[in-house]
Amino acid sequence: MTTHQEKLFGPIEEAFQISGRGCIVVIVSADVSPDVVLNVGDRIALRTPSGERYESTVLGIEMGTRQVEKLGFLVGPEIDKQTMVSGTTVWKCE
């Protein structure tokens, strides 16, 4: 059990692995909680629909500007694409 508070940031739409960089998780910006801001260096928790929980750190952030704006987060090396199943949510640890 954690001793810190967690606030829901949003659901992961997709995840992919970049060789030499790590795992990128992608969230549609319309699905992001307006009350939670993530910055590089923030601790996050990733919760899968089956109840598994992984902690990581935001190592990088990118925002897309195609038809739908998406946010991409580079997470720590302890997370890989196979860990991030559909329905996983990102929580900010405070």
N, C-alpha and C. Protein backbone atom coordinates (compact mmCIF):
# COMPACT_ATOMS: atom_id res chain seq x y z
N MET A 1 0.84 -1.18 0.00
CA MET A 1 0.00 0.00 0.00
C MET A 1 0.88 1.24 0.00
N THR A 2 0.46 2.25 -0.72
CA THR A 2 1.27 3.46 -0.82
C THR A 2 0.96 4.41 0.32
N THR A 3 1.93 5.26 0.64
CA THR A 3 1.74 6.24 1.70
C THR A 3 1.49 7.62 1.12
N HIS A 4 1.50 7.75 -0.20
CA HIS A 4 1.25 9.04 -0.82
C HIS A 4 -0.10 9.03 -1.53
N GLN A 5 -0.59 10.23 -1.82
CA GLN A 5 -1.84 10.36 -2.55
C GLN A 5 -1.61 10.19 -4.04
N GLU A 6 -2.61 9.69 -4.72
CA GLU A 6 -2.54 9.56 -6.17
C GLU A 6 -3.75 10.22 -6.79
N LYS A 7 -3.52 10.96 -7.88
CA LYS A 7 -4.61 11.62 -8.60
C LYS A 7 -4.63 11.09 -10.03
N LEU A 8 -5.83 10.73 -10.50
CA LEU A 8 -5.97 10.20 -11.85
C LEU A 8 -5.60 11.25 -12.88
N PHE A 9 -4.69 10.90 -13.79
CA PHE A 9 -4.33 11.78 -14.90
C PHE A 9 -5.13 11.43 -16.14
N GLY A 10 -5.19 10.13 -16.49
CA GLY A 10 -5.96 9.73 -17.66
C GLY A 10 -5.65 8.31 -18.09
N PRO A 11 -6.47 7.78 -19.01
CA PRO A 11 -6.27 6.42 -19.53
C PRO A 11 -5.27 6.39 -20.68
N ILE A 12 -4.51 5.32 -20.74
CA ILE A 12 -3.55 5.13 -21.83
C ILE A 12 -4.30 4.63 -23.07
N GLU A 13 -4.08 5.31 -24.19
CA GLU A 13 -4.69 4.89 -25.45
C GLU A 13 -3.83 3.83 -26.13
N GLU A 14 -2.51 4.03 -26.09
CA GLU A 14 -1.60 3.08 -26.70
C GLU A 14 -0.22 3.23 -26.07
N ALA A 15 0.62 2.25 -26.30
CA ALA A 15 2.00 2.29 -25.82
C ALA A 15 2.88 1.70 -26.90
N PHE A 16 4.09 2.21 -27.00
CA PHE A 16 5.04 1.64 -27.94
C PHE A 16 6.44 1.76 -27.40
N GLN A 17 7.31 0.93 -27.91
CA GLN A 17 8.69 0.84 -27.47
C GLN A 17 9.60 1.47 -28.51
N ILE A 18 10.51 2.34 -28.08
CA ILE A 18 11.50 2.92 -28.99
C ILE A 18 12.87 2.40 -28.56
N SER A 19 13.52 1.72 -29.47
CA SER A 19 14.83 1.14 -29.18
C SER A 19 15.80 2.23 -28.71
N GLY A 20 16.46 1.98 -27.61
CA GLY A 20 17.42 2.93 -27.07
C GLY A 20 16.80 4.03 -26.23
N ARG A 21 15.47 4.14 -26.22
CA ARG A 21 14.80 5.18 -25.44
C ARG A 21 13.95 4.57 -24.33
N GLY A 22 13.04 3.68 -24.71
CA GLY A 22 12.17 3.06 -23.72
C GLY A 22 10.73 3.06 -24.17
N CYS A 23 9.84 2.96 -23.20
CA CYS A 23 8.40 2.86 -23.45
C CYS A 23 7.76 4.25 -23.45
N ILE A 24 6.95 4.49 -24.47
CA ILE A 24 6.17 5.72 -24.57
C ILE A 24 4.71 5.33 -24.37
N VAL A 25 4.03 5.99 -23.44
CA VAL A 25 2.59 5.80 -23.27
C VAL A 25 1.90 7.02 -23.84
N VAL A 26 0.76 6.81 -24.51
CA VAL A 26 0.06 7.88 -25.19
C VAL A 26 -1.35 8.02 -24.62
N ILE A 27 -1.71 9.27 -24.34
CA ILE A 27 -3.03 9.60 -23.81
C ILE A 27 -3.63 10.67 -24.71
N VAL A 28 -4.92 10.54 -25.06
CA VAL A 28 -5.61 11.59 -25.80
C VAL A 28 -5.86 12.75 -24.84
N SER A 29 -5.45 13.95 -25.23
CA SER A 29 -5.52 15.08 -24.30
C SER A 29 -6.93 15.39 -23.82
N ALA A 30 -7.95 15.05 -24.62
CA ALA A 30 -9.33 15.28 -24.20
C ALA A 30 -9.72 14.41 -23.01
N ASP A 31 -8.98 13.30 -22.80
CA ASP A 31 -9.27 12.38 -21.70
C ASP A 31 -8.52 12.72 -20.42
N VAL A 32 -7.69 13.76 -20.45
CA VAL A 32 -6.84 14.11 -19.32
C VAL A 32 -7.63 14.89 -18.28
N SER A 33 -7.41 14.55 -17.02
CA SER A 33 -8.04 15.30 -15.93
C SER A 33 -7.51 16.73 -15.93
N PRO A 34 -8.40 17.73 -15.95
CA PRO A 34 -7.94 19.13 -16.00
C PRO A 34 -7.29 19.60 -14.70
N ASP A 35 -7.47 18.86 -13.63
CA ASP A 35 -6.93 19.26 -12.33
C ASP A 35 -5.55 18.69 -12.03
N VAL A 36 -5.01 17.88 -12.94
CA VAL A 36 -3.73 17.22 -12.69
C VAL A 36 -2.74 17.62 -13.79
N VAL A 37 -1.56 18.06 -13.38
CA VAL A 37 -0.50 18.44 -14.32
C VAL A 37 0.69 17.52 -14.09
N LEU A 38 1.23 16.97 -15.18
CA LEU A 38 2.43 16.15 -15.08
C LEU A 38 3.61 16.90 -15.66
N ASN A 39 4.75 16.77 -15.01
CA ASN A 39 5.99 17.38 -15.46
C ASN A 39 7.08 16.32 -15.51
N VAL A 40 8.12 16.58 -16.28
CA VAL A 40 9.27 15.68 -16.30
C VAL A 40 9.80 15.57 -14.88
N GLY A 41 10.06 14.35 -14.45
CA GLY A 41 10.56 14.09 -13.10
C GLY A 41 9.49 13.67 -12.12
N ASP A 42 8.21 13.84 -12.48
CA ASP A 42 7.12 13.45 -11.58
C ASP A 42 7.05 11.93 -11.46
N ARG A 43 6.70 11.47 -10.26
CA ARG A 43 6.44 10.05 -10.04
C ARG A 43 5.01 9.75 -10.46
N ILE A 44 4.82 8.62 -11.13
CA ILE A 44 3.50 8.20 -11.56
C ILE A 44 3.28 6.75 -11.18
N ALA A 45 2.01 6.39 -11.09
CA ALA A 45 1.61 4.99 -10.91
C ALA A 45 0.80 4.61 -12.14
N LEU A 46 1.04 3.42 -12.64
CA LEU A 46 0.30 2.89 -13.78
C LEU A 46 -0.51 1.71 -13.27
N ARG A 47 -1.83 1.79 -13.41
CA ARG A 47 -2.72 0.74 -12.90
C ARG A 47 -3.41 0.04 -14.05
N THR A 48 -3.25 -1.28 -14.10
CA THR A 48 -3.88 -2.07 -15.15
C THR A 48 -5.29 -2.45 -14.73
N PRO A 49 -6.16 -2.81 -15.68
CA PRO A 49 -7.52 -3.22 -15.34
C PRO A 49 -7.57 -4.44 -14.42
N SER A 50 -6.53 -5.28 -14.45
CA SER A 50 -6.50 -6.48 -13.60
C SER A 50 -6.04 -6.17 -12.17
N GLY A 51 -5.68 -4.89 -11.91
CA GLY A 51 -5.30 -4.51 -10.55
C GLY A 51 -3.81 -4.41 -10.31
N GLU A 52 -3.00 -4.74 -11.33
CA GLU A 52 -1.55 -4.59 -11.17
C GLU A 52 -1.21 -3.10 -11.12
N ARG A 53 -0.17 -2.78 -10.35
CA ARG A 53 0.24 -1.39 -10.19
C ARG A 53 1.75 -1.30 -10.35
N TYR A 54 2.19 -0.36 -11.18
CA TYR A 54 3.61 -0.15 -11.44
C TYR A 54 3.94 1.32 -11.17
N GLU A 55 5.07 1.58 -10.52
CA GLU A 55 5.51 2.95 -10.31
C GLU A 55 6.63 3.27 -11.28
N SER A 56 6.67 4.52 -11.73
CA SER A 56 7.70 4.95 -12.66
C SER A 56 7.88 6.45 -12.52
N THR A 57 8.71 7.01 -13.39
CA THR A 57 8.98 8.44 -13.42
C THR A 57 8.78 8.93 -14.85
N VAL A 58 8.21 10.13 -14.99
CA VAL A 58 8.08 10.75 -16.31
C VAL A 58 9.46 11.25 -16.72
N LEU A 59 10.01 10.68 -17.79
CA LEU A 59 11.34 11.07 -18.26
C LEU A 59 11.29 12.06 -19.42
N GLY A 60 10.14 12.16 -20.07
CA GLY A 60 9.99 13.08 -21.19
C GLY A 60 8.52 13.22 -21.54
N ILE A 61 8.15 14.36 -22.14
CA ILE A 61 6.76 14.63 -22.53
C ILE A 61 6.77 15.23 -23.93
N GLU A 62 5.85 14.74 -24.79
CA GLU A 62 5.66 15.32 -26.11
C GLU A 62 4.18 15.47 -26.37
N MET A 63 3.82 16.52 -27.08
CA MET A 63 2.42 16.75 -27.42
C MET A 63 2.27 16.77 -28.92
N GLY A 64 1.33 15.98 -29.43
CA GLY A 64 1.08 15.93 -30.86
C GLY A 64 0.03 16.96 -31.27
N THR A 65 -0.02 17.27 -32.56
CA THR A 65 -1.00 18.25 -33.04
C THR A 65 -1.66 17.79 -34.33
N ARG A 66 -1.94 16.53 -34.42
CA ARG A 66 -2.65 16.03 -35.62
C ARG A 66 -4.14 16.28 -35.44
N GLN A 67 -4.98 15.43 -36.01
CA GLN A 67 -6.43 15.61 -35.90
C GLN A 67 -6.89 15.59 -34.44
N VAL A 68 -6.31 14.72 -33.66
CA VAL A 68 -6.62 14.65 -32.23
C VAL A 68 -5.32 14.87 -31.48
N GLU A 69 -5.33 15.80 -30.55
CA GLU A 69 -4.11 16.05 -29.79
C GLU A 69 -3.87 14.90 -28.82
N LYS A 70 -2.63 14.45 -28.81
CA LYS A 70 -2.23 13.35 -27.93
C LYS A 70 -1.02 13.77 -27.13
N LEU A 71 -0.90 13.22 -25.95
CA LEU A 71 0.25 13.44 -25.09
C LEU A 71 1.03 12.14 -25.01
N GLY A 72 2.33 12.21 -25.24
CA GLY A 72 3.18 11.04 -25.13
C GLY A 72 4.15 11.22 -23.98
N PHE A 73 4.30 10.20 -23.17
CA PHE A 73 5.19 10.24 -22.01
C PHE A 73 6.22 9.13 -22.10
N LEU A 74 7.47 9.49 -22.00
CA LEU A 74 8.53 8.49 -21.87
C LEU A 74 8.60 8.14 -20.40
N VAL A 75 8.45 6.84 -20.10
CA VAL A 75 8.48 6.39 -18.70
C VAL A 75 9.78 5.65 -18.41
N GLY A 76 10.03 5.39 -17.15
CA GLY A 76 11.27 4.75 -16.72
C GLY A 76 11.47 3.37 -17.31
N PRO A 77 12.71 2.88 -17.21
CA PRO A 77 13.08 1.60 -17.84
C PRO A 77 12.41 0.38 -17.21
N GLU A 78 11.78 0.54 -16.06
CA GLU A 78 11.08 -0.59 -15.44
C GLU A 78 9.76 -0.91 -16.12
N ILE A 79 9.32 -0.07 -17.06
CA ILE A 79 8.07 -0.26 -17.78
C ILE A 79 8.37 -0.59 -19.24
N ASP A 80 7.65 -1.59 -19.78
CA ASP A 80 7.78 -1.89 -21.21
C ASP A 80 6.40 -1.97 -21.84
N LYS A 81 6.36 -2.02 -23.15
CA LYS A 81 5.09 -2.00 -23.89
C LYS A 81 4.16 -3.13 -23.47
N GLN A 82 4.70 -4.31 -23.23
CA GLN A 82 3.87 -5.46 -22.86
C GLN A 82 3.16 -5.25 -21.53
N THR A 83 3.72 -4.44 -20.65
CA THR A 83 3.11 -4.15 -19.36
C THR A 83 1.87 -3.28 -19.50
N MET A 84 1.85 -2.42 -20.51
CA MET A 84 0.79 -1.43 -20.67
C MET A 84 -0.35 -1.96 -21.53
N VAL A 85 -1.25 -2.71 -20.90
CA VAL A 85 -2.40 -3.28 -21.59
C VAL A 85 -3.50 -2.23 -21.75
N SER A 86 -4.41 -2.48 -22.68
CA SER A 86 -5.53 -1.58 -22.90
C SER A 86 -6.32 -1.37 -21.61
N GLY A 87 -6.65 -0.14 -21.31
CA GLY A 87 -7.41 0.17 -20.08
C GLY A 87 -6.53 0.57 -18.91
N THR A 88 -5.20 0.56 -19.09
CA THR A 88 -4.30 1.00 -18.02
C THR A 88 -4.46 2.51 -17.83
N THR A 89 -4.42 2.96 -16.59
CA THR A 89 -4.56 4.39 -16.29
C THR A 89 -3.29 4.92 -15.65
N VAL A 90 -3.06 6.23 -15.84
CA VAL A 90 -1.89 6.92 -15.29
C VAL A 90 -2.37 7.77 -14.11
N TRP A 91 -1.66 7.62 -12.99
CA TRP A 91 -1.97 8.37 -11.77
C TRP A 91 -0.73 9.14 -11.34
N LYS A 92 -0.90 10.40 -10.97
CA LYS A 92 0.20 11.20 -10.45
C LYS A 92 0.35 10.91 -8.97
N CYS A 93 1.58 10.59 -8.54
CA CYS A 93 1.87 10.33 -7.13
C CYS A 93 2.29 11.65 -6.48
N GLU A 94 1.68 11.97 -5.37
CA GLU A 94 2.02 13.21 -4.67
C GLU A 94 2.50 12.92 -3.27
